[in-house]
Amino acid sequence: MSVELARVRLRGVYAAIAGVILLVGVQIYSVVALAPTGYTNAINAVITQGTFAPYLVWLGLHGPENRALRLIEVVTFVLAAAMPQQLRRVLWPSDPQAGRWAAFLGQIGFALFVVALILGLFTSTGSAAAYADATNAATQASVTQAFARSYAIETLLSRVLGGALVSIFLVVTSLRVLQTRILSVWLAYLGLLTAALLAASALLSALAPDAPQTPVSSLSLIVLGIWLTAIGIVLARLRAFPELSATPAE
């Protein structure tokens, strides 16, 4: 096995692990570790009341659970960011430069999720402590407004810009699969579906960056997890670099 093929297969393993974490691990952690602490109620209160005060109270009481969730998600997107360049090598086997810009956008997109999550580790901890130490309603309101601004910045970095860049990467690579049939076409359709959901989430989040959720944000990450798992398994099982073909891959 060549070094290049081994690198592709390893990044496929990383992508599959990232997908499983996003699809299963985060969901299980949310149900087992977060829901019993009142996390869901705190998020719903933000949506219904239009203030982050309930969430800051929750953060002050359950900081370790919040940090653990963010670290799990950081690992997920770091693993995902290692895959786009290797997928490019598979989809453009005879042209070492083709698709490079799309892969780069995908890497930057995943990296922006990481940056936002790490930024949130510090802003959430600091804001929760400041809110708990506030001695009057005016100070609490000031802390809440400052946290809302930092939360909006995180959203713009991750769900908006990061999601948009990953969506572009998915569209380009999926269309390449449809054009060449170098991989199974169902991967292309799954990629286009994932891109559409991420783009919709990016648009809705851009309209309300301080909203904890959009109608499609959770679904877009779940479907992204499915795509990462699927493409990761395909890459991890490669025995040789595929050749261009006019017929669909079996």
C-alpha atoms as a PDB file:
ATOM      1  CA  MET A   1       0.000   0.000   0.000  1.00  0.00           C
ATOM      2  CA  SER A   2       1.371   3.410  -0.971  1.00  0.00           C
ATOM      3  CA  VAL A   3       1.922   6.120   1.624  1.00  0.00           C
ATOM      4  CA  GLU A   4      -0.602   8.334  -0.156  1.00  0.00           C
ATOM      5  CA  LEU A   5      -3.305   5.672  -0.081  1.00  0.00           C
ATOM      6  CA  ALA A   6      -2.571   4.945   3.573  1.00  0.00           C
ATOM      7  CA  ARG A   7      -2.997   8.649   4.324  1.00  0.00           C
ATOM      8  CA  VAL A   8      -6.352   8.719   2.534  1.00  0.00           C
ATOM      9  CA  ARG A   9      -7.573   5.652   4.422  1.00  0.00           C
ATOM     10  CA  LEU A  10      -6.454   7.089   7.767  1.00  0.00           C
ATOM     11  CA  ARG A  11      -8.280  10.356   7.126  1.00  0.00           C
ATOM     12  CA  GLY A  12     -11.303   8.268   6.201  1.00  0.00           C
ATOM     13  CA  VAL A  13     -11.150   6.642   9.610  1.00  0.00           C
ATOM     14  CA  TYR A  14     -10.950  10.092  11.195  1.00  0.00           C
ATOM     15  CA  ALA A  15     -13.996  11.257   9.220  1.00  0.00           C
ATOM     16  CA  ALA A  16     -15.986   8.157  10.175  1.00  0.00           C
ATOM     17  CA  ILE A  17     -15.150   8.679  13.850  1.00  0.00           C
ATOM     18  CA  ALA A  18     -16.183  12.331  13.559  1.00  0.00           C
ATOM     19  CA  GLY A  19     -19.459  11.306  11.959  1.00  0.00           C
ATOM     20  CA  VAL A  20     -20.258   8.740  14.632  1.00  0.00           C
ATOM     21  CA  ILE A  21     -19.495  11.245  17.388  1.00  0.00           C
ATOM     22  CA  LEU A  22     -21.697  13.871  15.747  1.00  0.00           C
ATOM     23  CA  LEU A  23     -24.476  11.424  14.937  1.00  0.00           C
ATOM     24  CA  VAL A  24     -24.475   9.282  18.073  1.00  0.00           C
ATOM     25  CA  GLY A  25     -22.028  10.555  20.680  1.00  0.00           C
ATOM     26  CA  VAL A  26     -23.320  14.115  20.930  1.00  0.00           C
ATOM     27  CA  GLN A  27     -26.927  12.908  20.968  1.00  0.00           C
ATOM     28  CA  ILE A  28     -26.277  10.393  23.746  1.00  0.00           C
ATOM     29  CA  TYR A  29     -24.335  12.940  25.778  1.00  0.00           C
ATOM     30  CA  SER A  30     -27.154  15.443  25.406  1.00  0.00           C
ATOM     31  CA  VAL A  31     -29.729  12.943  26.640  1.00  0.00           C
ATOM     32  CA  VAL A  32     -27.659  11.330  29.404  1.00  0.00           C
ATOM     33  CA  ALA A  33     -25.577  14.220  30.728  1.00  0.00           C
ATOM     34  CA  LEU A  34     -27.316  17.456  29.712  1.00  0.00           C
ATOM     35  CA  ALA A  35     -31.056  16.858  29.756  1.00  0.00           C
ATOM     36  CA  PRO A  36     -31.182  15.773  33.437  1.00  0.00           C
ATOM     37  CA  THR A  37     -29.448  19.025  34.455  1.00  0.00           C
ATOM     38  CA  GLY A  38     -32.118  21.223  32.857  1.00  0.00           C
ATOM     39  CA  TYR A  39     -30.117  22.135  29.751  1.00  0.00           C
ATOM     40  CA  THR A  40     -33.079  21.777  27.400  1.00  0.00           C
ATOM     41  CA  ASN A  41     -35.276  23.899  29.640  1.00  0.00           C
ATOM     42  CA  ALA A  42     -32.595  26.597  29.773  1.00  0.00           C
ATOM     43  CA  ILE A  43     -32.312  26.702  25.968  1.00  0.00           C
ATOM     44  CA  ASN A  44     -36.087  26.771  25.562  1.00  0.00           C
ATOM     45  CA  ALA A  45     -36.297  29.616  28.078  1.00  0.00           C
ATOM     46  CA  VAL A  46     -33.837  31.633  25.981  1.00  0.00           C
ATOM     47  CA  ILE A  47     -36.059  31.129  22.941  1.00  0.00           C
ATOM     48  CA  THR A  48     -39.327  31.957  24.677  1.00  0.00           C
ATOM     49  CA  GLN A  49     -38.089  34.791  26.906  1.00  0.00           C
ATOM     50  CA  GLY A  50     -35.612  36.368  24.484  1.00  0.00           C
ATOM     51  CA  THR A  51     -32.808  36.573  27.063  1.00  0.00           C
ATOM     52  CA  PHE A  52     -29.775  34.450  27.897  1.00  0.00           C
ATOM     53  CA  ALA A  53     -30.276  34.910  31.631  1.00  0.00           C
ATOM     54  CA  PRO A  54     -31.687  31.362  32.197  1.00  0.00           C
ATOM     55  CA  TYR A  55     -28.825  29.883  30.178  1.00  0.00           C
ATOM     56  CA  LEU A  56     -26.226  31.834  32.159  1.00  0.00           C
ATOM     57  CA  VAL A  57     -27.751  30.530  35.378  1.00  0.00           C
ATOM     58  CA  TRP A  58     -27.508  26.999  33.992  1.00  0.00           C
ATOM     59  CA  LEU A  59     -23.900  27.585  32.934  1.00  0.00           C
ATOM     60  CA  GLY A  60     -23.011  28.761  36.409  1.00  0.00           C
ATOM     61  CA  LEU A  61     -24.335  25.537  37.887  1.00  0.00           C
ATOM     62  CA  HIS A  62     -23.186  23.117  35.177  1.00  0.00           C
ATOM     63  CA  GLY A  63     -19.985  24.511  33.708  1.00  0.00           C
ATOM     64  CA  PRO A  64     -18.208  21.110  33.512  1.00  0.00           C
ATOM     65  CA  GLU A  65     -21.039  19.591  31.481  1.00  0.00           C
ATOM     66  CA  ASN A  66     -20.945  22.529  29.053  1.00  0.00           C
ATOM     67  CA  ARG A  67     -17.169  22.326  28.676  1.00  0.00           C
ATOM     68  CA  ALA A  68     -17.321  18.587  28.077  1.00  0.00           C
ATOM     69  CA  LEU A  69     -19.889  19.045  25.303  1.00  0.00           C
ATOM     70  CA  ARG A  70     -17.803  21.708  23.601  1.00  0.00           C
ATOM     71  CA  LEU A  71     -14.635  19.597  23.825  1.00  0.00           C
ATOM     72  CA  ILE A  72     -16.447  16.620  22.298  1.00  0.00           C
ATOM     73  CA  GLU A  73     -17.566  18.838  19.428  1.00  0.00           C
ATOM     74  CA  VAL A  74     -14.050  20.302  19.054  1.00  0.00           C
ATOM     75  CA  VAL A  75     -12.629  16.804  18.610  1.00  0.00           C
ATOM     76  CA  THR A  76     -15.367  16.047  16.075  1.00  0.00           C
ATOM     77  CA  PHE A  77     -14.615  19.000  13.807  1.00  0.00           C
ATOM     78  CA  VAL A  78     -10.833  18.660  14.147  1.00  0.00           C
ATOM     79  CA  LEU A  79     -11.134  15.091  12.855  1.00  0.00           C
ATOM     80  CA  ALA A  80     -13.484  16.211  10.070  1.00  0.00           C
ATOM     81  CA  ALA A  81     -11.081  18.957   8.963  1.00  0.00           C
ATOM     82  CA  ALA A  82      -8.420  16.360   8.133  1.00  0.00           C
ATOM     83  CA  MET A  83     -10.557  14.757   5.402  1.00  0.00           C
ATOM     84  CA  PRO A  84     -11.296  17.274   2.566  1.00  0.00           C
ATOM     85  CA  GLN A  85      -7.829  17.253   0.985  1.00  0.00           C
ATOM     86  CA  GLN A  86      -7.757  13.451   0.933  1.00  0.00           C
ATOM     87  CA  LEU A  87     -11.202  13.277  -0.647  1.00  0.00           C
ATOM     88  CA  ARG A  88      -9.948  15.701  -3.295  1.00  0.00           C
ATOM     89  CA  ARG A  89      -7.098  13.326  -4.146  1.00  0.00           C
ATOM     90  CA  VAL A  90      -9.598  10.534  -4.695  1.00  0.00           C
ATOM     91  CA  LEU A  91     -12.002  12.581  -6.836  1.00  0.00           C
ATOM     92  CA  TRP A  92      -9.298  14.194  -9.001  1.00  0.00           C
ATOM     93  CA  PRO A  93      -6.746  11.351  -9.251  1.00  0.00           C
ATOM     94  CA  SER A  94      -4.993  12.594 -12.381  1.00  0.00           C
ATOM     95  CA  ASP A  95      -4.853  16.301 -11.536  1.00  0.00           C
ATOM     96  CA  PRO A  96      -3.025  17.185  -8.301  1.00  0.00           C
ATOM     97  CA  GLN A  97      -4.257  20.797  -8.391  1.00  0.00           C
ATOM     98  CA  ALA A  98      -7.936  20.334  -9.266  1.00  0.00           C
ATOM     99  CA  GLY A  99     -10.437  20.713  -6.464  1.00  0.00           C
ATOM    100  CA  ARG A 100      -7.836  22.194  -4.143  1.00  0.00           C
ATOM    101  CA  TRP A 101      -9.797  25.391  -3.503  1.00  0.00           C
ATOM    102  CA  ALA A 102     -12.969  23.452  -2.638  1.00  0.00           C
ATOM    103  CA  ALA A 103     -11.077  21.215  -0.219  1.00  0.00           C
ATOM    104  CA  PHE A 104      -9.458  24.273   1.335  1.00  0.00           C
ATOM    105  CA  LEU A 105     -12.882  25.864   1.868  1.00  0.00           C
ATOM    106  CA  GLY A 106     -14.064  22.657   3.527  1.00  0.00           C
ATOM    107  CA  GLN A 107     -11.086  22.643   5.879  1.00  0.00           C
ATOM    108  CA  ILE A 108     -11.599  26.307   6.759  1.00  0.00           C
ATOM    109  CA  GLY A 109     -15.301  25.675   7.327  1.00  0.00           C
ATOM    110  CA  PHE A 110     -14.682  22.840   9.772  1.00  0.00           C
ATOM    111  CA  ALA A 111     -11.903  24.867  11.422  1.00  0.00           C
ATOM    112  CA  LEU A 112     -14.300  27.772  12.015  1.00  0.00           C
ATOM    113  CA  PHE A 113     -16.559  25.456  14.010  1.00  0.00           C
ATOM    114  CA  VAL A 114     -13.518  24.600  16.145  1.00  0.00           C
ATOM    115  CA  VAL A 115     -12.583  28.259  16.621  1.00  0.00           C
ATOM    116  CA  ALA A 116     -16.128  29.183  17.668  1.00  0.00           C
ATOM    117  CA  LEU A 117     -16.350  26.276  20.109  1.00  0.00           C
ATOM    118  CA  ILE A 118     -13.022  27.138  21.747  1.00  0.00           C
ATOM    119  CA  LEU A 119     -13.989  30.813  21.910  1.00  0.00           C
ATOM    120  CA  GLY A 120     -17.231  29.767  23.577  1.00  0.00           C
ATOM    121  CA  LEU A 121     -15.339  27.803  26.231  1.00  0.00           C
ATOM    122  CA  PHE A 122     -13.921  31.072  27.539  1.00  0.00           C
ATOM    123  CA  THR A 123     -16.853  33.412  26.965  1.00  0.00           C
ATOM    124  CA  SER A 124     -19.419  31.069  28.525  1.00  0.00           C
ATOM    125  CA  THR A 125     -17.297  30.432  31.616  1.00  0.00           C
ATOM    126  CA  GLY A 126     -16.474  34.098  32.125  1.00  0.00           C
ATOM    127  CA  SER A 127     -20.009  35.315  31.510  1.00  0.00           C
ATOM    128  CA  ALA A 128     -21.537  32.722  33.828  1.00  0.00           C
ATOM    129  CA  ALA A 129     -19.164  33.734  36.623  1.00  0.00           C
ATOM    130  CA  ALA A 130     -19.833  37.445  36.038  1.00  0.00           C
ATOM    131  CA  TYR A 131     -23.597  36.869  36.057  1.00  0.00           C
ATOM    132  CA  ALA A 132     -23.387  34.886  39.317  1.00  0.00           C
ATOM    133  CA  ASP A 133     -21.277  37.625  40.918  1.00  0.00           C
ATOM    134  CA  ALA A 134     -23.550  40.466  39.778  1.00  0.00           C
ATOM    135  CA  THR A 135     -25.087  42.294  42.717  1.00  0.00           C
ATOM    136  CA  ASN A 136     -27.982  43.993  40.942  1.00  0.00           C
ATOM    137  CA  ALA A 137     -30.328  43.617  38.001  1.00  0.00           C
ATOM    138  CA  ALA A 138     -28.572  46.274  35.929  1.00  0.00           C
ATOM    139  CA  THR A 139     -25.251  44.440  36.134  1.00  0.00           C
ATOM    140  CA  GLN A 140     -26.926  41.145  35.287  1.00  0.00           C
ATOM    141  CA  ALA A 141     -28.563  42.737  32.265  1.00  0.00           C
ATOM    142  CA  SER A 142     -25.216  44.137  31.117  1.00  0.00           C
ATOM    143  CA  VAL A 143     -23.556  40.720  31.430  1.00  0.00           C
ATOM    144  CA  THR A 144     -26.433  39.101  29.568  1.00  0.00           C
ATOM    145  CA  GLN A 145     -26.208  41.577  26.692  1.00  0.00           C
ATOM    146  CA  ALA A 146     -22.438  41.108  26.430  1.00  0.00           C
ATOM    147  CA  PHE A 147     -22.871  37.337  26.349  1.00  0.00           C
ATOM    148  CA  ALA A 148     -25.550  37.633  23.656  1.00  0.00           C
ATOM    149  CA  ARG A 149     -23.079  39.565  21.486  1.00  0.00           C
ATOM    150  CA  SER A 150     -20.344  36.984  21.988  1.00  0.00           C
ATOM    151  CA  TYR A 151     -22.831  34.193  21.258  1.00  0.00           C
ATOM    152  CA  ALA A 152     -23.808  35.944  18.026  1.00  0.00           C
ATOM    153  CA  ILE A 153     -20.137  36.108  17.011  1.00  0.00           C
ATOM    154  CA  GLU A 154     -19.788  32.367  17.653  1.00  0.00           C
ATOM    155  CA  THR A 155     -22.856  31.711  15.522  1.00  0.00           C
ATOM    156  CA  LEU A 156     -21.557  33.863  12.669  1.00  0.00           C
ATOM    157  CA  LEU A 157     -18.218  32.043  12.753  1.00  0.00           C
ATOM    158  CA  SER A 158     -19.618  28.512  12.971  1.00  0.00           C
ATOM    159  CA  ARG A 159     -23.148  28.023  11.691  1.00  0.00           C
ATOM    160  CA  VAL A 160     -23.067  30.927   9.222  1.00  0.00           C
ATOM    161  CA  LEU A 161     -19.558  31.203   7.739  1.00  0.00           C
ATOM    162  CA  GLY A 162     -18.345  27.730   8.654  1.00  0.00           C
ATOM    163  CA  GLY A 163     -21.566  26.098   7.545  1.00  0.00           C
ATOM    164  CA  ALA A 164     -21.570  28.018   4.261  1.00  0.00           C
ATOM    165  CA  LEU A 165     -17.987  27.020   3.432  1.00  0.00           C
ATOM    166  CA  VAL A 166     -18.604  23.352   4.233  1.00  0.00           C
ATOM    167  CA  SER A 167     -21.742  23.550   2.103  1.00  0.00           C
ATOM    168  CA  ILE A 168     -19.728  24.838  -0.884  1.00  0.00           C
ATOM    169  CA  PHE A 169     -17.206  22.028  -0.405  1.00  0.00           C
ATOM    170  CA  LEU A 170     -20.010  19.463  -0.346  1.00  0.00           C
ATOM    171  CA  VAL A 171     -21.641  20.841  -3.490  1.00  0.00           C
ATOM    172  CA  VAL A 172     -18.391  20.834  -5.480  1.00  0.00           C
ATOM    173  CA  THR A 173     -17.336  17.341  -4.425  1.00  0.00           C
ATOM    174  CA  SER A 174     -20.843  15.920  -4.850  1.00  0.00           C
ATOM    175  CA  LEU A 175     -21.143  17.328  -8.365  1.00  0.00           C
ATOM    176  CA  ARG A 176     -17.731  15.845  -9.144  1.00  0.00           C
ATOM    177  CA  VAL A 177     -19.005  12.427  -8.054  1.00  0.00           C
ATOM    178  CA  LEU A 178     -22.087  12.815 -10.266  1.00  0.00           C
ATOM    179  CA  GLN A 179     -19.906  13.910 -13.175  1.00  0.00           C
ATOM    180  CA  THR A 180     -17.314  11.122 -12.954  1.00  0.00           C
ATOM    181  CA  ARG A 181     -19.107   8.326 -11.031  1.00  0.00           C
ATOM    182  CA  ILE A 182     -15.741   7.757  -9.364  1.00  0.00           C
ATOM    183  CA  LEU A 183     -17.651   6.933  -6.172  1.00  0.00           C
ATOM    184  CA  SER A 184     -21.208   5.719  -5.707  1.00  0.00           C
ATOM    185  CA  VAL A 185     -23.745   8.361  -6.692  1.00  0.00           C
ATOM    186  CA  TRP A 186     -25.767   7.980  -3.491  1.00  0.00           C
ATOM    187  CA  LEU A 187     -22.850   9.676  -1.717  1.00  0.00           C
ATOM    188  CA  ALA A 188     -23.326  12.634  -4.044  1.00  0.00           C
ATOM    189  CA  TYR A 189     -27.037  12.904  -3.319  1.00  0.00           C
ATOM    190  CA  LEU A 190     -26.386  12.620   0.415  1.00  0.00           C
ATOM    191  CA  GLY A 191     -23.733  15.320   0.112  1.00  0.00           C
ATOM    192  CA  LEU A 192     -26.088  17.645  -1.745  1.00  0.00           C
ATOM    193  CA  LEU A 193     -28.783  17.102   0.881  1.00  0.00           C
ATOM    194  CA  THR A 194     -26.267  17.891   3.626  1.00  0.00           C
ATOM    195  CA  ALA A 195     -25.135  21.007   1.762  1.00  0.00           C
ATOM    196  CA  ALA A 196     -28.724  22.217   1.384  1.00  0.00           C
ATOM    197  CA  LEU A 197     -29.432  21.797   5.093  1.00  0.00           C
ATOM    198  CA  LEU A 198     -26.196  23.515   6.124  1.00  0.00           C
ATOM    199  CA  ALA A 199     -26.913  26.377   3.733  1.00  0.00           C
ATOM    200  CA  ALA A 200     -30.436  26.765   5.111  1.00  0.00           C
ATOM    201  CA  SER A 201     -29.082  26.736   8.659  1.00  0.00           C
ATOM    202  CA  ALA A 202     -26.476  29.346   7.696  1.00  0.00           C
ATOM    203  CA  LEU A 203     -29.103  31.627   6.189  1.00  0.00           C
ATOM    204  CA  LEU A 204     -31.500  31.348   9.131  1.00  0.00           C
ATOM    205  CA  SER A 205     -28.661  31.806  11.616  1.00  0.00           C
ATOM    206  CA  ALA A 206     -27.467  34.912   9.778  1.00  0.00           C
ATOM    207  CA  LEU A 207     -30.927  36.414  10.211  1.00  0.00           C
ATOM    208  CA  ALA A 208     -30.904  35.699  13.973  1.00  0.00           C
ATOM    209  CA  PRO A 209     -27.312  35.038  15.126  1.00  0.00           C
ATOM    210  CA  ASP A 210     -28.207  35.219  18.813  1.00  0.00           C
ATOM    211  CA  ALA A 211     -30.799  32.437  18.507  1.00  0.00           C
ATOM    212  CA  PRO A 212     -29.652  29.164  20.131  1.00  0.00           C
ATOM    213  CA  GLN A 213     -31.293  27.095  17.391  1.00  0.00           C
ATOM    214  CA  THR A 214     -32.911  27.312  14.000  1.00  0.00           C
ATOM    215  CA  PRO A 215     -35.570  24.913  12.665  1.00  0.00           C
ATOM    216  CA  VAL A 216     -32.886  23.021  10.715  1.00  0.00           C
ATOM    217  CA  SER A 217     -29.672  23.501  12.712  1.00  0.00           C
ATOM    218  CA  SER A 218     -29.896  20.229  14.657  1.00  0.00           C
ATOM    219  CA  LEU A 219     -31.034  18.267  11.596  1.00  0.00           C
ATOM    220  CA  SER A 220     -28.213  19.689   9.472  1.00  0.00           C
ATOM    221  CA  LEU A 221     -25.594  18.444  11.958  1.00  0.00           C
ATOM    222  CA  ILE A 222     -27.228  15.027  12.178  1.00  0.00           C
ATOM    223  CA  VAL A 223     -27.213  14.652   8.392  1.00  0.00           C
ATOM    224  CA  LEU A 224     -23.630  15.969   8.313  1.00  0.00           C
ATOM    225  CA  GLY A 225     -22.784  13.206  10.767  1.00  0.00           C
ATOM    226  CA  ILE A 226     -24.342  10.646   8.429  1.00  0.00           C
ATOM    227  CA  TRP A 227     -22.352  11.992   5.460  1.00  0.00           C
ATOM    228  CA  LEU A 228     -19.081  12.048   7.393  1.00  0.00           C
ATOM    229  CA  THR A 229     -19.627   8.474   8.536  1.00  0.00           C
ATOM    230  CA  ALA A 230     -20.487   7.299   5.029  1.00  0.00           C
ATOM    231  CA  ILE A 231     -17.646   9.048   3.204  1.00  0.00           C
ATOM    232  CA  GLY A 232     -15.232   8.070   5.959  1.00  0.00           C
ATOM    233  CA  ILE A 233     -16.085   4.384   5.607  1.00  0.00           C
ATOM    234  CA  VAL A 234     -15.730   4.586   1.821  1.00  0.00           C
ATOM    235  CA  LEU A 235     -12.297   6.210   2.085  1.00  0.00           C
ATOM    236  CA  ALA A 236     -11.136   3.862   4.833  1.00  0.00           C
ATOM    237  CA  ARG A 237     -12.012   0.828   2.690  1.00  0.00           C
ATOM    238  CA  LEU A 238     -10.189   1.940  -0.461  1.00  0.00           C
ATOM    239  CA  ARG A 239      -7.779  -0.680  -1.760  1.00  0.00           C
ATOM    240  CA  ALA A 240      -6.474   1.503  -4.588  1.00  0.00           C
ATOM    241  CA  PHE A 241      -7.104   4.927  -6.032  1.00  0.00           C
ATOM    242  CA  PRO A 242     -10.173   4.604  -8.289  1.00  0.00           C
ATOM    243  CA  GLU A 243      -9.914   5.442 -11.964  1.00  0.00           C
ATOM    244  CA  LEU A 244     -12.261   7.699 -13.875  1.00  0.00           C
ATOM    245  CA  SER A 245     -15.188   5.800 -15.304  1.00  0.00           C
ATOM    246  CA  ALA A 246     -18.275   6.598 -17.316  1.00  0.00           C
ATOM    247  CA  THR A 247     -20.336   4.156 -15.300  1.00  0.00           C
ATOM    248  CA  PRO A 248     -21.442   4.383 -11.679  1.00  0.00           C
ATOM    249  CA  ALA A 249     -19.218   2.851  -9.060  1.00  0.00           C
ATOM    250  CA  GLU A 250     -20.490  -0.382  -7.634  1.00  0.00           C
END
